[in-house]
Amino acid sequence: MRGSEYRVISPYAIMQKPVHVSALPLDVDVFGTISKIHPVLLWDENGATLIDTGYPGIFAQLKQALEQKIHSFNRIKRIILTHQDWDHIGTVPDIHQALNGQVAIYAHAAEKPYLEGRLPHYKLTPERIAKRVAATPEIWREKARSTLSNPPRFTVDYAMTDGEILPFHGGIEVIHVPGHTPGNICLYVRSERLLIAGDQLRLDNGTLVGPAPEHTPDMITAQQSLKKLIRFDIDRIICYHGGTYTAHAASKIAELASL
């Protein structure tokens, strides 16, 4: 095992080759501040799936990280978005264009109208944008205002539902965990006993914690949503902010859900 990458022989191995999983640690300059994020790449003999796509403007950086794992960018068949926040959807249009539209975009049904522009993004309100811009160094404020006021818009090809099993990479279960956004999800990769947590869980100095209150409009619902994760047999967690967590993952989730 190297870093946050690992290979597990699936119980479905008679039917398919093993699934490969890699968290892609990216250090991104966001208006003068470095932010580390972890999009997730899954791949097997039937192609690759990218889960979350990073901030706007980092396509070249993301593409390089992907090609280090799968060599050919054209192996990407689908993008799954855990939710609508701008740091998760920023390069979707770039990827779509680079692949000549031959990539399917997945998101929860409750996120679809926001992503397609039929509703304004849930958290990018004028008040929130103004607050973020005011907290940004002056040299970056105009770029911040422009970026946050014009989030990417694109068509969602497949609207997912809670409990749905996506039929690739050994089966991926969709877990609807609202609160952070209306259609926030986690993904459970059955063959790997892996939870891809998006922003529902984070690592704070190595400690597993719940969603960030300052970025979660409905913390009561978000906390209740943690209880939905208890029933899963989880060995490891990949958090978008923090990376991979393996220390008694299932029991730690149960502890957080009981708070």
Protein backbone atom coordinates (compact mmCIF):
# COMPACT_ATOMS: atom_id res chain seq x y z
CA MET A 1 0.00 0.00 0.00
CA ARG A 2 1.36 3.45 -0.88
CA GLY A 3 -0.14 6.69 0.46
CA SER A 4 -3.92 6.69 0.12
CA GLU A 5 -3.94 4.20 -2.77
CA TYR A 6 -4.81 0.56 -2.31
CA ARG A 7 -5.96 -2.50 -4.22
CA VAL A 8 -8.43 -5.00 -2.78
CA ILE A 9 -9.50 -8.29 -4.30
CA SER A 10 -13.25 -8.04 -4.68
CA PRO A 11 -15.63 -10.85 -3.67
CA TYR A 12 -16.99 -10.33 -7.17
CA ALA A 13 -13.56 -11.19 -8.65
CA ILE A 14 -14.95 -14.22 -10.49
CA MET A 15 -17.02 -11.79 -12.55
CA GLN A 16 -14.56 -8.89 -12.84
CA LYS A 17 -11.01 -7.81 -12.20
CA PRO A 18 -10.17 -5.98 -8.97
CA VAL A 19 -11.21 -2.40 -8.42
CA HIS A 20 -8.44 0.14 -7.95
CA VAL A 21 -9.00 3.15 -5.70
CA SER A 22 -6.95 6.29 -5.34
CA ALA A 23 -7.53 9.51 -3.46
CA LEU A 24 -5.85 12.29 -5.43
CA PRO A 25 -4.31 14.83 -3.02
CA LEU A 26 -4.28 18.20 -4.77
CA ASP A 27 -2.86 21.39 -3.29
CA VAL A 28 -4.85 24.21 -4.86
CA ASP A 29 -4.22 27.95 -4.66
CA VAL A 30 -7.62 29.40 -3.82
CA PHE A 31 -7.49 33.20 -3.86
CA GLY A 32 -4.03 33.19 -2.33
CA THR A 33 -4.60 30.39 0.20
CA ILE A 34 -3.58 26.76 -0.32
CA SER A 35 -6.43 24.26 0.04
CA LYS A 36 -5.82 20.48 -0.06
CA ILE A 37 -8.60 18.41 -1.58
CA HIS A 38 -9.02 14.72 -2.38
CA PRO A 39 -11.07 13.82 -5.46
CA VAL A 40 -11.38 10.03 -5.73
CA LEU A 41 -10.64 7.85 -8.74
CA LEU A 42 -12.02 4.32 -9.14
CA TRP A 43 -11.01 2.16 -12.08
CA ASP A 44 -11.14 -1.40 -13.37
CA GLU A 45 -11.18 -3.20 -16.71
CA ASN A 46 -14.43 -1.40 -17.65
CA GLY A 47 -13.11 2.14 -17.27
CA ALA A 48 -12.77 4.84 -14.62
CA THR A 49 -15.05 6.93 -12.42
CA LEU A 50 -14.05 10.30 -10.97
CA ILE A 51 -15.79 11.37 -7.77
CA ASP A 52 -15.77 15.17 -7.41
CA THR A 53 -13.66 17.39 -9.64
CA GLY A 54 -12.05 20.20 -7.65
CA TYR A 55 -12.12 23.97 -7.90
CA PRO A 56 -12.65 25.94 -11.12
CA GLY A 57 -9.43 26.57 -13.00
CA ILE A 58 -7.49 23.44 -11.95
CA PHE A 59 -8.26 21.21 -14.93
CA ALA A 60 -4.61 20.85 -16.02
CA GLN A 61 -3.54 19.95 -12.47
CA LEU A 62 -6.36 17.42 -12.08
CA LYS A 63 -5.74 15.88 -15.52
CA GLN A 64 -2.08 15.35 -14.73
CA ALA A 65 -2.94 13.61 -11.43
CA LEU A 66 -5.47 11.38 -13.20
CA GLU A 67 -3.08 10.40 -15.98
CA GLN A 68 -0.47 9.36 -13.43
CA LYS A 69 -2.96 6.69 -12.30
CA ILE A 70 -4.78 5.59 -15.47
CA HIS A 71 -2.36 6.86 -18.17
CA SER A 72 -5.14 7.68 -20.63
CA PHE A 73 -7.56 10.46 -19.64
CA ASN A 74 -10.06 8.91 -22.07
CA ARG A 75 -10.60 6.00 -19.67
CA ILE A 76 -12.88 8.21 -17.58
CA LYS A 77 -16.47 7.12 -18.28
CA ARG A 78 -18.40 8.98 -15.60
CA ILE A 79 -18.24 11.70 -12.95
CA ILE A 80 -20.13 11.33 -9.67
CA LEU A 81 -20.68 14.52 -7.67
CA THR A 82 -21.21 14.21 -3.93
CA HIS A 83 -22.86 17.65 -3.88
CA GLN A 84 -23.04 21.05 -5.54
CA ASP A 85 -20.35 23.04 -3.70
CA TRP A 86 -18.08 24.93 -6.09
CA ASP A 87 -14.91 23.16 -4.93
CA HIS A 88 -16.44 19.82 -5.97
CA ILE A 89 -17.86 20.72 -9.39
CA GLY A 90 -15.35 23.25 -10.70
CA THR A 91 -13.83 21.31 -13.59
CA VAL A 92 -16.90 19.40 -14.81
CA PRO A 93 -17.30 21.56 -17.96
CA ASP A 94 -13.57 21.23 -18.76
CA ILE A 95 -13.65 17.45 -18.43
CA HIS A 96 -16.83 17.25 -20.49
CA GLN A 97 -15.23 19.29 -23.27
CA ALA A 98 -11.92 17.39 -23.17
CA LEU A 99 -13.78 14.08 -23.54
CA ASN A 100 -15.99 15.44 -26.36
CA GLY A 101 -19.06 14.95 -24.20
CA GLN A 102 -18.40 11.21 -23.82
CA VAL A 103 -18.67 11.23 -20.02
CA ALA A 104 -21.81 10.76 -17.92
CA ILE A 105 -22.50 13.17 -15.04
CA TYR A 106 -24.15 11.70 -11.92
CA ALA A 107 -25.63 13.65 -8.98
CA HIS A 108 -28.43 13.18 -6.48
CA ALA A 109 -31.85 14.19 -7.79
CA ALA A 110 -32.11 16.99 -5.21
CA GLU A 111 -28.91 18.59 -6.56
CA LYS A 112 -29.90 18.42 -10.23
CA PRO A 113 -31.88 21.70 -10.47
CA TYR A 114 -29.04 23.63 -8.80
CA LEU A 115 -26.36 22.15 -11.03
CA GLU A 116 -28.38 22.78 -14.15
CA GLY A 117 -29.09 26.40 -13.24
CA ARG A 118 -32.82 26.09 -12.64
CA LEU A 119 -32.21 27.09 -9.01
CA PRO A 120 -29.44 29.35 -7.67
CA HIS A 121 -26.71 27.42 -5.90
CA TYR A 122 -27.81 26.63 -2.35
CA LYS A 123 -24.96 28.33 -0.53
CA LEU A 124 -23.75 30.88 -3.08
CA THR A 125 -26.18 33.54 -1.96
CA PRO A 126 -25.31 37.23 -2.42
CA GLU A 127 -24.78 37.50 1.35
CA ARG A 128 -22.42 34.52 1.51
CA ILE A 129 -20.50 35.68 -1.55
CA ALA A 130 -20.06 39.16 -0.08
CA LYS A 131 -18.82 37.68 3.20
CA ARG A 132 -16.32 35.41 1.43
CA VAL A 133 -15.06 38.23 -0.80
CA ALA A 134 -14.62 40.54 2.21
CA ALA A 135 -12.46 37.87 3.89
CA THR A 136 -10.26 37.49 0.79
CA PRO A 137 -7.03 39.49 0.36
CA GLU A 138 -7.78 42.60 -1.67
CA ILE A 139 -5.64 41.50 -4.62
CA TRP A 140 -7.91 38.46 -5.11
CA ARG A 141 -11.30 40.01 -4.38
CA GLU A 142 -12.41 40.68 -7.94
CA LYS A 143 -11.51 37.15 -9.02
CA ALA A 144 -13.28 35.72 -5.98
CA ARG A 145 -16.42 37.76 -6.69
CA SER A 146 -16.47 36.70 -10.35
CA THR A 147 -15.80 33.01 -9.63
CA LEU A 148 -18.35 32.66 -6.84
CA SER A 149 -21.02 34.59 -8.75
CA ASN A 150 -20.69 32.34 -11.80
CA PRO A 151 -20.51 28.70 -10.68
CA PRO A 152 -20.36 26.05 -13.41
CA ARG A 153 -23.68 24.96 -14.92
CA PHE A 154 -24.11 21.70 -16.77
CA THR A 155 -26.55 18.90 -17.48
CA VAL A 156 -26.84 16.04 -15.00
CA ASP A 157 -27.22 12.89 -17.08
CA TYR A 158 -28.24 10.61 -14.23
CA ALA A 159 -30.14 11.67 -11.10
CA MET A 160 -29.38 9.26 -8.27
CA THR A 161 -31.66 8.27 -5.40
CA ASP A 162 -31.05 7.13 -1.83
CA GLY A 163 -30.17 3.44 -1.52
CA GLU A 164 -29.57 2.99 -5.23
CA ILE A 165 -26.81 0.58 -6.22
CA LEU A 166 -24.76 1.89 -9.12
CA PRO A 167 -23.81 -1.09 -11.32
CA PHE A 168 -20.07 -0.57 -11.73
CA HIS A 169 -16.88 -1.21 -9.73
CA GLY A 170 -18.51 -4.08 -7.86
CA GLY A 171 -21.57 -2.04 -6.87
CA ILE A 172 -21.62 1.42 -5.27
CA GLU A 173 -24.45 2.31 -2.89
CA VAL A 174 -25.74 5.88 -2.83
CA ILE A 175 -26.37 7.24 0.69
CA HIS A 176 -28.37 10.46 0.86
CA VAL A 177 -27.07 12.54 3.78
CA PRO A 178 -28.77 15.97 3.53
CA GLY A 179 -27.90 18.96 5.67
CA HIS A 180 -24.65 20.14 4.11
CA THR A 181 -26.68 20.59 0.90
CA PRO A 182 -30.15 19.19 0.00
CA GLY A 183 -28.73 16.39 -2.15
CA ASN A 184 -25.48 15.70 -0.31
CA ILE A 185 -24.38 12.07 -0.61
CA CYS A 186 -21.80 9.57 0.54
CA LEU A 187 -20.87 6.54 -1.55
CA TYR A 188 -20.27 3.03 -0.22
CA VAL A 189 -18.02 0.89 -2.43
CA ARG A 190 -19.16 -2.55 -1.38
CA SER A 191 -16.23 -4.67 -2.57
CA GLU A 192 -13.73 -2.42 -0.77
CA ARG A 193 -15.74 -1.72 2.41
CA LEU A 194 -14.94 1.88 1.58
CA LEU A 195 -16.96 5.00 2.38
CA ILE A 196 -16.34 7.97 0.09
CA ALA A 197 -17.60 10.66 2.43
CA GLY A 198 -17.42 13.87 0.40
CA ASP A 199 -17.91 16.66 2.96
CA GLN A 200 -20.10 14.67 5.36
CA LEU A 201 -16.95 13.66 7.24
CA ARG A 202 -13.60 15.45 7.49
CA LEU A 203 -10.18 14.92 8.99
CA ASP A 204 -9.12 17.66 11.38
CA ASN A 205 -5.45 17.15 12.32
CA GLY A 206 -5.95 13.42 11.81
CA THR A 207 -9.19 13.22 13.82
CA LEU A 208 -12.40 12.19 12.08
CA VAL A 209 -15.13 14.81 12.52
CA GLY A 210 -18.50 15.65 10.98
CA PRO A 211 -19.36 18.35 8.44
CA ALA A 212 -18.02 21.86 9.00
CA PRO A 213 -20.69 23.98 10.74
CA GLU A 214 -19.61 27.15 8.93
CA HIS A 215 -20.31 25.47 5.58
CA THR A 216 -23.40 23.48 6.60
CA PRO A 217 -26.64 25.49 6.66
CA ASP A 218 -28.66 22.75 8.39
CA MET A 219 -26.43 21.15 11.01
CA ILE A 220 -29.34 19.44 12.77
CA THR A 221 -30.22 17.49 9.64
CA ALA A 222 -26.55 16.87 8.85
CA GLN A 223 -26.02 15.36 12.30
CA GLN A 224 -29.10 13.16 11.90
CA SER A 225 -27.76 12.05 8.52
CA LEU A 226 -24.66 10.61 10.19
CA LYS A 227 -26.87 7.91 11.69
CA LYS A 228 -27.51 6.51 8.21
CA LEU A 229 -23.84 5.50 7.96
CA ILE A 230 -23.87 3.22 11.01
CA ARG A 231 -25.29 0.17 9.24
CA PHE A 232 -22.40 -0.08 6.76
CA ASP A 233 -19.39 -2.36 7.24
CA ILE A 234 -16.70 0.29 6.75
CA ASP A 235 -12.96 -0.37 6.93
CA ARG A 236 -11.75 2.93 5.51
CA ILE A 237 -13.06 6.37 4.72
CA ILE A 238 -11.92 8.90 2.14
CA CYS A 239 -12.79 12.46 3.12
CA TYR A 240 -12.63 15.19 0.49
CA HIS A 241 -11.00 17.42 3.09
CA GLY A 242 -8.41 15.37 4.91
CA GLY A 243 -7.90 12.19 2.90
CA THR A 244 -7.97 8.57 4.07
CA TYR A 245 -8.97 7.42 7.56
CA THR A 246 -8.62 3.81 8.73
CA ALA A 247 -8.49 3.79 12.54
CA HIS A 248 -11.60 1.82 13.65
CA ALA A 249 -13.60 3.65 10.99
CA ALA A 250 -17.03 2.11 11.67
CA SER A 251 -16.86 2.61 15.45
CA LYS A 252 -15.70 6.20 15.03
CA ILE A 253 -18.67 6.94 12.78
CA ALA A 254 -20.99 5.43 15.39
CA GLU A 255 -19.40 7.67 18.02
CA LEU A 256 -19.91 10.79 15.90
CA ALA A 257 -23.51 9.83 15.12
CA SER A 258 -24.32 9.58 18.84
CA LEU A 259 -23.29 13.17 19.62
